[in-house]
Amino acid sequence: MSDERVATAQAMHDRGTSYNAIGRVLGVAHSTVRCWLDPEARAKHIVANARWNATHREEIKVRRTASRATYRASHRKEIKVGQTAYRAAHIEESRAYSAAYNAAHKIERAAQRAKRRALKYGALAGATISQHSEIAEIYHRAKKDSKVRCYLCGKLIPKGHRQVDHITPLSKGGAHRPSNLAVACDTCNLSKNAKLPEEIGVLI
């Protein structure tokens, strides 16, 4: 709806033109014209529209999701160009946001990196849904539990210094499974790197 079209409709209505005739001239339904010019009809339409939306939320959500997916699929190049331009114009803000996010979500980021490495080495092949849930829980406990001991040195690890380690490194055939994951302090994990526990003198 534009002010110009509404003004045109009002002028035609003032001259006695019916809503149907105005609609045909302006290319809209007569009910649309009525809503433009009749405050009571407009109020009823708003109430009816709100009532319909409230009882069809899931349907609306599905339609919007499908519409967005269709738009993205048919405008991939434009979206990519827009994203590239935005990042170029906001590079410092983007870096600051990423740094703040990574600092506040160390364990989650570590879990994501571990999953990528596991996929690279094929160490996630055959993992069950239950095992995926257990892996997520290990990372969650590493971050949230009040007392966590390093499986290598046995010391309590303060929050912010906990890392989930692959006991047998992925690069040496270890699996990304709950049975091959343990929490280590950052110092021990850095020292261990891609070694087996026995290679650094630790028996488990």
Protein backbone atom coordinates (compact mmCIF):
# COMPACT_ATOMS: atom_id res chain seq x y z
CA MET A 1 0.00 0.00 0.00
CA SER A 2 1.33 3.42 -0.97
CA ASP A 3 0.03 6.82 0.05
CA GLU A 4 -0.40 7.71 -3.62
CA ARG A 5 -2.59 4.68 -4.36
CA VAL A 6 -4.67 5.26 -1.25
CA ALA A 7 -5.14 8.91 -2.23
CA THR A 8 -6.21 7.86 -5.72
CA ALA A 9 -8.68 5.34 -4.28
CA GLN A 10 -10.07 7.96 -1.89
CA ALA A 11 -10.53 10.49 -4.68
CA MET A 12 -12.36 7.92 -6.83
CA HIS A 13 -14.54 6.87 -3.89
CA ASP A 14 -15.39 10.50 -3.15
CA ARG A 15 -16.65 10.75 -6.73
CA GLY A 16 -18.97 7.79 -6.07
CA THR A 17 -16.89 5.01 -7.63
CA SER A 18 -17.55 1.61 -6.05
CA TYR A 19 -14.89 -0.44 -4.25
CA ASN A 20 -15.11 -3.04 -7.03
CA ALA A 21 -14.49 -0.48 -9.76
CA ILE A 22 -11.61 1.11 -7.83
CA GLY A 23 -10.08 -2.32 -7.32
CA ARG A 24 -10.25 -3.10 -11.04
CA VAL A 25 -8.53 0.19 -11.90
CA LEU A 26 -5.77 -0.25 -9.30
CA GLY A 27 -5.39 -4.00 -9.76
CA VAL A 28 -6.37 -5.04 -6.24
CA ALA A 29 -9.31 -6.81 -4.62
CA HIS A 30 -12.32 -4.75 -3.55
CA SER A 31 -11.72 -5.92 0.03
CA THR A 32 -8.26 -4.35 -0.11
CA VAL A 33 -9.74 -1.06 -1.20
CA ARG A 34 -12.29 -1.27 1.62
CA CYS A 35 -9.49 -1.80 4.17
CA TRP A 36 -7.65 1.22 2.77
CA LEU A 37 -10.63 3.53 3.04
CA ASP A 38 -12.85 2.14 5.83
CA PRO A 39 -11.25 2.26 9.33
CA GLU A 40 -13.80 -0.21 10.71
CA ALA A 41 -13.09 -2.74 7.92
CA ARG A 42 -9.35 -2.24 8.46
CA ALA A 43 -9.69 -2.94 12.20
CA LYS A 44 -11.72 -6.10 11.56
CA HIS A 45 -9.12 -7.28 9.03
CA ILE A 46 -6.28 -6.77 11.52
CA VAL A 47 -8.11 -8.78 14.20
CA ALA A 48 -8.99 -11.58 11.77
CA ASN A 49 -5.43 -11.67 10.44
CA ALA A 50 -3.97 -11.89 13.95
CA ARG A 51 -6.41 -14.66 14.85
CA TRP A 52 -5.50 -16.66 11.72
CA ASN A 53 -1.77 -16.24 12.37
CA ALA A 54 -2.18 -17.42 15.95
CA THR A 55 -3.92 -20.65 14.88
CA HIS A 56 -1.61 -21.39 11.92
CA ARG A 57 1.83 -20.76 13.42
CA GLU A 58 3.35 -24.07 12.32
CA GLU A 59 2.01 -23.68 8.79
CA ILE A 60 3.40 -20.14 8.60
CA LYS A 61 6.77 -21.34 9.92
CA VAL A 62 6.94 -24.09 7.29
CA ARG A 63 6.02 -21.68 4.52
CA ARG A 64 8.60 -19.11 5.61
CA THR A 65 11.32 -21.74 5.88
CA ALA A 66 10.50 -23.09 2.43
CA SER A 67 10.37 -19.58 1.02
CA ARG A 68 13.77 -18.69 2.49
CA ALA A 69 15.27 -21.94 1.20
CA THR A 70 13.86 -21.30 -2.28
CA TYR A 71 15.17 -17.73 -2.25
CA ARG A 72 18.64 -18.81 -1.11
CA ALA A 73 18.78 -21.55 -3.75
CA SER A 74 17.89 -19.13 -6.56
CA HIS A 75 20.03 -16.22 -5.33
CA ARG A 76 23.22 -17.98 -4.24
CA LYS A 77 25.56 -15.72 -6.19
CA GLU A 78 23.92 -12.50 -4.97
CA ILE A 79 23.93 -13.74 -1.36
CA LYS A 80 27.59 -14.73 -1.59
CA VAL A 81 28.53 -11.36 -3.08
CA GLY A 82 26.57 -9.57 -0.34
CA GLN A 83 28.19 -11.62 2.42
CA THR A 84 31.68 -11.02 0.99
CA ALA A 85 31.02 -7.29 0.74
CA TYR A 86 29.66 -7.16 4.30
CA ARG A 87 32.64 -9.04 5.73
CA ALA A 88 35.05 -6.76 3.86
CA ALA A 89 33.31 -3.67 5.25
CA HIS A 90 33.11 -5.04 8.82
CA ILE A 91 36.32 -7.06 9.07
CA GLU A 92 37.39 -5.66 12.45
CA GLU A 93 33.94 -6.16 13.96
CA SER A 94 33.85 -9.70 12.59
CA ARG A 95 37.25 -10.53 14.06
CA ALA A 96 36.32 -9.06 17.43
CA TYR A 97 33.05 -11.00 17.48
CA SER A 98 34.79 -14.26 16.53
CA ALA A 99 37.47 -13.76 19.18
CA ALA A 100 34.88 -13.04 21.88
CA TYR A 101 32.74 -15.99 20.83
CA ASN A 102 35.70 -18.38 20.75
CA ALA A 103 36.87 -17.19 24.17
CA ALA A 104 33.43 -17.79 25.66
CA HIS A 105 32.90 -21.15 23.94
CA LYS A 106 36.30 -22.84 24.14
CA ILE A 107 34.97 -26.31 24.85
CA GLU A 108 32.30 -26.13 22.13
CA ARG A 109 34.88 -24.93 19.60
CA ALA A 110 37.25 -27.71 20.69
CA ALA A 111 34.45 -30.24 20.16
CA GLN A 112 33.83 -28.88 16.66
CA ARG A 113 37.52 -29.04 15.78
CA ALA A 114 37.78 -32.58 17.16
CA LYS A 115 34.79 -33.65 15.07
CA ARG A 116 36.36 -32.17 11.92
CA ARG A 117 39.63 -33.99 12.62
CA ALA A 118 37.71 -37.21 13.29
CA LEU A 119 35.90 -36.89 9.97
CA LYS A 120 39.23 -36.26 8.25
CA TYR A 121 40.72 -39.46 9.67
CA GLY A 122 37.51 -41.45 9.29
CA ALA A 123 37.39 -41.89 13.07
CA LEU A 124 33.66 -41.19 13.28
CA ALA A 125 32.63 -43.95 10.89
CA GLY A 126 30.02 -46.21 12.44
CA ALA A 127 29.43 -44.06 15.53
CA THR A 128 25.91 -44.47 16.91
CA ILE A 129 23.53 -41.70 17.95
CA SER A 130 24.08 -42.75 21.56
CA GLN A 131 27.85 -42.39 21.17
CA HIS A 132 27.44 -38.94 19.64
CA SER A 133 25.37 -37.97 22.70
CA GLU A 134 27.99 -39.38 25.07
CA ILE A 135 30.74 -37.44 23.27
CA ALA A 136 28.74 -34.22 23.62
CA GLU A 137 28.21 -34.97 27.32
CA ILE A 138 31.96 -35.45 27.88
CA TYR A 139 32.67 -32.00 26.43
CA HIS A 140 29.81 -30.53 28.46
CA ARG A 141 31.11 -32.01 31.73
CA ALA A 142 34.62 -30.84 30.92
CA LYS A 143 33.29 -27.30 30.82
CA LYS A 144 30.66 -27.33 33.57
CA ASP A 145 31.72 -29.80 36.31
CA SER A 146 33.08 -28.14 39.44
CA LYS A 147 35.90 -30.67 39.93
CA VAL A 148 37.71 -32.31 37.04
CA ARG A 149 41.06 -34.09 37.30
CA CYS A 150 43.59 -34.39 34.51
CA TYR A 151 43.79 -38.03 33.45
CA LEU A 152 47.52 -37.59 32.81
CA CYS A 153 48.84 -35.78 35.90
CA GLY A 154 45.91 -36.36 38.27
CA LYS A 155 45.64 -32.72 39.35
CA LEU A 156 42.40 -30.77 39.60
CA ILE A 157 41.98 -28.58 36.53
CA PRO A 158 40.59 -25.07 36.93
CA LYS A 159 37.92 -24.00 34.47
CA GLY A 160 39.37 -22.45 31.36
CA HIS A 161 42.32 -24.87 31.34
CA ARG A 162 40.47 -28.10 30.51
CA GLN A 163 40.87 -29.88 27.20
CA VAL A 164 39.27 -33.09 25.94
CA ASP A 165 42.02 -35.34 24.62
CA HIS A 166 42.02 -38.39 22.37
CA ILE A 167 43.89 -40.95 24.47
CA THR A 168 45.02 -42.70 21.31
CA PRO A 169 45.50 -39.84 18.83
CA LEU A 170 43.33 -39.75 15.73
CA SER A 171 46.51 -39.64 13.64
CA LYS A 172 47.52 -43.02 15.11
CA GLY A 173 44.21 -44.75 14.48
CA GLY A 174 42.33 -43.66 17.58
CA ALA A 175 38.55 -43.46 17.34
CA HIS A 176 36.40 -40.44 18.14
CA ARG A 177 34.48 -42.42 20.74
CA PRO A 178 33.62 -41.89 24.42
CA SER A 179 36.04 -44.69 25.40
CA ASN A 180 38.92 -42.83 23.73
CA LEU A 181 38.18 -39.40 25.23
CA ALA A 182 39.48 -38.04 28.53
CA VAL A 183 39.91 -34.61 30.06
CA ALA A 184 43.44 -33.24 30.43
CA CYS A 185 44.86 -29.96 31.62
CA ASP A 186 46.13 -27.71 28.86
CA THR A 187 49.75 -28.16 29.98
CA CYS A 188 49.66 -31.97 29.83
CA ASN A 189 47.69 -32.01 26.60
CA LEU A 190 50.17 -29.66 24.97
CA SER A 191 53.07 -31.85 26.10
CA LYS A 192 51.36 -35.05 24.94
CA ASN A 193 50.43 -33.63 21.53
CA ALA A 194 50.03 -36.65 19.19
CA LYS A 195 51.83 -39.13 21.45
CA LEU A 196 50.38 -42.15 23.19
CA PRO A 197 50.19 -41.90 27.01
CA GLU A 198 52.92 -44.54 27.40
CA GLU A 199 55.20 -42.52 25.15
CA ILE A 200 55.27 -39.75 27.76
CA GLY A 201 55.62 -42.15 30.69
CA VAL A 202 51.97 -42.31 31.72
CA LEU A 203 50.15 -45.62 32.15
CA ILE A 204 46.34 -45.64 32.14
